[in-house]
Amino acid sequence: MHAIEFTEPQKITVIDRPNEDNPASGEAVVRTHRMGICGTDLSCYLGKFPFFAYPRTPGHELGLEVVAVGEGVTNVQPGDKCSLEPYVNDPESPTSKRARRTAAPACR
């Protein structure tokens, strides 16, 4: 699959990434249909975001379709069209300990 990568400040490269066909337990494989570029992505491209390392594939506002699901995945199924907030919830993080969670995928 093709992706873009911020290789260094103000440099974008098209790269090839391997296709993941077999999701692990608890995971899903998705196909991105649309990706938004937000203000954070723009700041990263310009080299002005302090918590950013290169190279990095941008994009965290996605319109996607579920292609396959691994064992134990029950909240989505292949064919679902979703939006995604791709952050991993770490139960030991300060945010989680304050009972704040990231949103679950919104599917139809």
C-alpha atoms as a PDB file:
ATOM      1  CA  MET A   1       0.000   0.000   0.000  1.00  0.00           C
ATOM      2  CA  HIS A   2       1.127   3.554  -0.585  1.00  0.00           C
ATOM      3  CA  ALA A   3       1.488   6.102   2.194  1.00  0.00           C
ATOM      4  CA  ILE A   4       3.022   9.513   2.612  1.00  0.00           C
ATOM      5  CA  GLU A   5       5.748  10.154   5.127  1.00  0.00           C
ATOM      6  CA  PHE A   6       7.102  13.342   6.620  1.00  0.00           C
ATOM      7  CA  THR A   7      10.753  12.460   6.087  1.00  0.00           C
ATOM      8  CA  GLU A   8      12.075  15.683   7.614  1.00  0.00           C
ATOM      9  CA  PRO A   9      10.634  19.183   8.067  1.00  0.00           C
ATOM     10  CA  GLN A  10       8.966  20.342   4.839  1.00  0.00           C
ATOM     11  CA  LYS A  11       9.735  17.108   2.970  1.00  0.00           C
ATOM     12  CA  ILE A  12       7.068  14.557   2.007  1.00  0.00           C
ATOM     13  CA  THR A  13       7.935  11.197   0.465  1.00  0.00           C
ATOM     14  CA  VAL A  14       5.596   8.558  -0.984  1.00  0.00           C
ATOM     15  CA  ILE A  15       6.495   5.209   0.553  1.00  0.00           C
ATOM     16  CA  ASP A  16       5.314   1.622   0.237  1.00  0.00           C
ATOM     17  CA  ARG A  17       4.076  -0.187   3.319  1.00  0.00           C
ATOM     18  CA  PRO A  18       3.343  -3.922   3.500  1.00  0.00           C
ATOM     19  CA  ASN A  19      -0.298  -4.962   3.409  1.00  0.00           C
ATOM     20  CA  GLU A  20      -1.441  -6.578   6.639  1.00  0.00           C
ATOM     21  CA  ASP A  21      -3.946  -9.277   5.727  1.00  0.00           C
ATOM     22  CA  ASN A  22      -4.187 -11.235   8.969  1.00  0.00           C
ATOM     23  CA  PRO A  23      -5.024  -9.175  12.050  1.00  0.00           C
ATOM     24  CA  ALA A  24      -3.830 -10.397  15.424  1.00  0.00           C
ATOM     25  CA  SER A  25      -6.215 -11.170  18.248  1.00  0.00           C
ATOM     26  CA  GLY A  26      -8.035  -8.003  19.276  1.00  0.00           C
ATOM     27  CA  GLU A  27      -7.016  -6.102  16.120  1.00  0.00           C
ATOM     28  CA  ALA A  28      -8.661  -5.137  12.841  1.00  0.00           C
ATOM     29  CA  VAL A  29      -7.287  -4.477   9.357  1.00  0.00           C
ATOM     30  CA  VAL A  30      -8.787  -1.369   7.749  1.00  0.00           C
ATOM     31  CA  ARG A  31      -8.685   0.319   4.344  1.00  0.00           C
ATOM     32  CA  THR A  32      -8.477   4.106   4.469  1.00  0.00           C
ATOM     33  CA  HIS A  33     -10.847   5.900   2.112  1.00  0.00           C
ATOM     34  CA  ARG A  34     -10.292   9.467   3.331  1.00  0.00           C
ATOM     35  CA  MET A  35      -7.721  11.096   5.589  1.00  0.00           C
ATOM     36  CA  GLY A  36      -7.859  14.586   6.991  1.00  0.00           C
ATOM     37  CA  ILE A  37      -4.790  16.710   7.480  1.00  0.00           C
ATOM     38  CA  CYS A  38      -5.256  18.832  10.602  1.00  0.00           C
ATOM     39  CA  GLY A  39      -3.375  21.704  12.212  1.00  0.00           C
ATOM     40  CA  THR A  40      -1.140  19.298  14.119  1.00  0.00           C
ATOM     41  CA  ASP A  41      -0.129  17.591  10.863  1.00  0.00           C
ATOM     42  CA  LEU A  42       0.635  20.995   9.319  1.00  0.00           C
ATOM     43  CA  SER A  43       2.782  21.986  12.308  1.00  0.00           C
ATOM     44  CA  CYS A  44       4.628  18.661  12.055  1.00  0.00           C
ATOM     45  CA  TYR A  45       5.223  19.168   8.328  1.00  0.00           C
ATOM     46  CA  LEU A  46       6.639  22.625   9.050  1.00  0.00           C
ATOM     47  CA  GLY A  47       8.896  21.238  11.801  1.00  0.00           C
ATOM     48  CA  LYS A  48       7.170  23.279  14.510  1.00  0.00           C
ATOM     49  CA  PHE A  49       5.615  20.528  16.655  1.00  0.00           C
ATOM     50  CA  PRO A  50       7.747  19.800  19.751  1.00  0.00           C
ATOM     51  CA  PHE A  51       6.615  16.194  20.365  1.00  0.00           C
ATOM     52  CA  PHE A  52       7.281  14.853  16.883  1.00  0.00           C
ATOM     53  CA  ALA A  53      10.031  12.626  15.495  1.00  0.00           C
ATOM     54  CA  TYR A  54      10.870  11.987  11.837  1.00  0.00           C
ATOM     55  CA  PRO A  55      10.128   9.998   9.787  1.00  0.00           C
ATOM     56  CA  ARG A  56       6.375   9.896  10.524  1.00  0.00           C
ATOM     57  CA  THR A  57       3.292   8.933   8.543  1.00  0.00           C
ATOM     58  CA  PRO A  58       0.698  11.656   9.193  1.00  0.00           C
ATOM     59  CA  GLY A  59      -3.029  11.408   9.542  1.00  0.00           C
ATOM     60  CA  HIS A  60      -5.247  10.576  12.451  1.00  0.00           C
ATOM     61  CA  GLU A  61      -8.626  11.681  11.167  1.00  0.00           C
ATOM     62  CA  LEU A  62      -9.700   8.796   8.986  1.00  0.00           C
ATOM     63  CA  GLY A  63     -12.702   7.563   7.052  1.00  0.00           C
ATOM     64  CA  LEU A  64     -12.189   3.842   6.612  1.00  0.00           C
ATOM     65  CA  GLU A  65     -13.669   0.423   5.992  1.00  0.00           C
ATOM     66  CA  VAL A  66     -13.015  -2.663   8.114  1.00  0.00           C
ATOM     67  CA  VAL A  67     -11.417  -5.353   5.939  1.00  0.00           C
ATOM     68  CA  ALA A  68     -10.766  -8.135   8.454  1.00  0.00           C
ATOM     69  CA  VAL A  69     -10.991  -8.674  12.206  1.00  0.00           C
ATOM     70  CA  GLY A  70      -8.910 -10.789  14.536  1.00  0.00           C
ATOM     71  CA  GLU A  71     -10.101 -13.204  17.177  1.00  0.00           C
ATOM     72  CA  GLY A  72     -12.132 -11.587  19.926  1.00  0.00           C
ATOM     73  CA  VAL A  73     -13.119  -8.460  17.991  1.00  0.00           C
ATOM     74  CA  THR A  74     -16.854  -7.981  18.428  1.00  0.00           C
ATOM     75  CA  ASN A  75     -17.470  -4.233  18.053  1.00  0.00           C
ATOM     76  CA  VAL A  76     -16.777  -4.084  14.286  1.00  0.00           C
ATOM     77  CA  GLN A  77     -17.027  -6.492  11.377  1.00  0.00           C
ATOM     78  CA  PRO A  78     -15.711  -6.591   7.796  1.00  0.00           C
ATOM     79  CA  GLY A  79     -17.587  -4.125   5.620  1.00  0.00           C
ATOM     80  CA  ASP A  80     -18.269  -1.607   8.416  1.00  0.00           C
ATOM     81  CA  LYS A  81     -17.526   1.962   7.416  1.00  0.00           C
ATOM     82  CA  CYS A  82     -16.034   3.891  10.318  1.00  0.00           C
ATOM     83  CA  SER A  83     -14.282   6.995  11.460  1.00  0.00           C
ATOM     84  CA  LEU A  84     -11.267   6.403  13.654  1.00  0.00           C
ATOM     85  CA  GLU A  85      -9.489   7.977  16.589  1.00  0.00           C
ATOM     86  CA  PRO A  86      -6.282   5.901  16.434  1.00  0.00           C
ATOM     87  CA  TYR A  87      -4.917   6.187  19.922  1.00  0.00           C
ATOM     88  CA  VAL A  88      -4.119   3.162  22.032  1.00  0.00           C
ATOM     89  CA  ASN A  89      -5.618   3.296  25.508  1.00  0.00           C
ATOM     90  CA  ASP A  90      -2.958   2.610  28.113  1.00  0.00           C
ATOM     91  CA  PRO A  91      -4.702   1.822  31.413  1.00  0.00           C
ATOM     92  CA  GLU A  92      -1.562   2.927  33.281  1.00  0.00           C
ATOM     93  CA  SER A  93      -1.347   6.359  31.645  1.00  0.00           C
ATOM     94  CA  PRO A  94      -2.182   9.485  33.664  1.00  0.00           C
ATOM     95  CA  THR A  95      -5.106  10.208  31.330  1.00  0.00           C
ATOM     96  CA  SER A  96      -6.641   6.769  31.876  1.00  0.00           C
ATOM     97  CA  LYS A  97      -6.148   7.007  35.618  1.00  0.00           C
ATOM     98  CA  ARG A  98      -8.183  10.239  35.549  1.00  0.00           C
ATOM     99  CA  ALA A  99     -10.971   8.197  33.850  1.00  0.00           C
ATOM    100  CA  ARG A 100     -10.644   9.920  30.490  1.00  0.00           C
ATOM    101  CA  ARG A 101     -10.791   7.643  27.472  1.00  0.00           C
ATOM    102  CA  THR A 102     -10.438   8.060  23.764  1.00  0.00           C
ATOM    103  CA  ALA A 103     -13.567   7.659  21.720  1.00  0.00           C
ATOM    104  CA  ALA A 104     -14.516   4.271  20.302  1.00  0.00           C
ATOM    105  CA  PRO A 105     -14.733   3.927  16.506  1.00  0.00           C
ATOM    106  CA  ALA A 106     -17.966   5.299  15.085  1.00  0.00           C
ATOM    107  CA  CYS A 107     -19.292   2.786  12.555  1.00  0.00           C
ATOM    108  CA  ARG A 108     -22.406   2.379  10.480  1.00  0.00           C
END
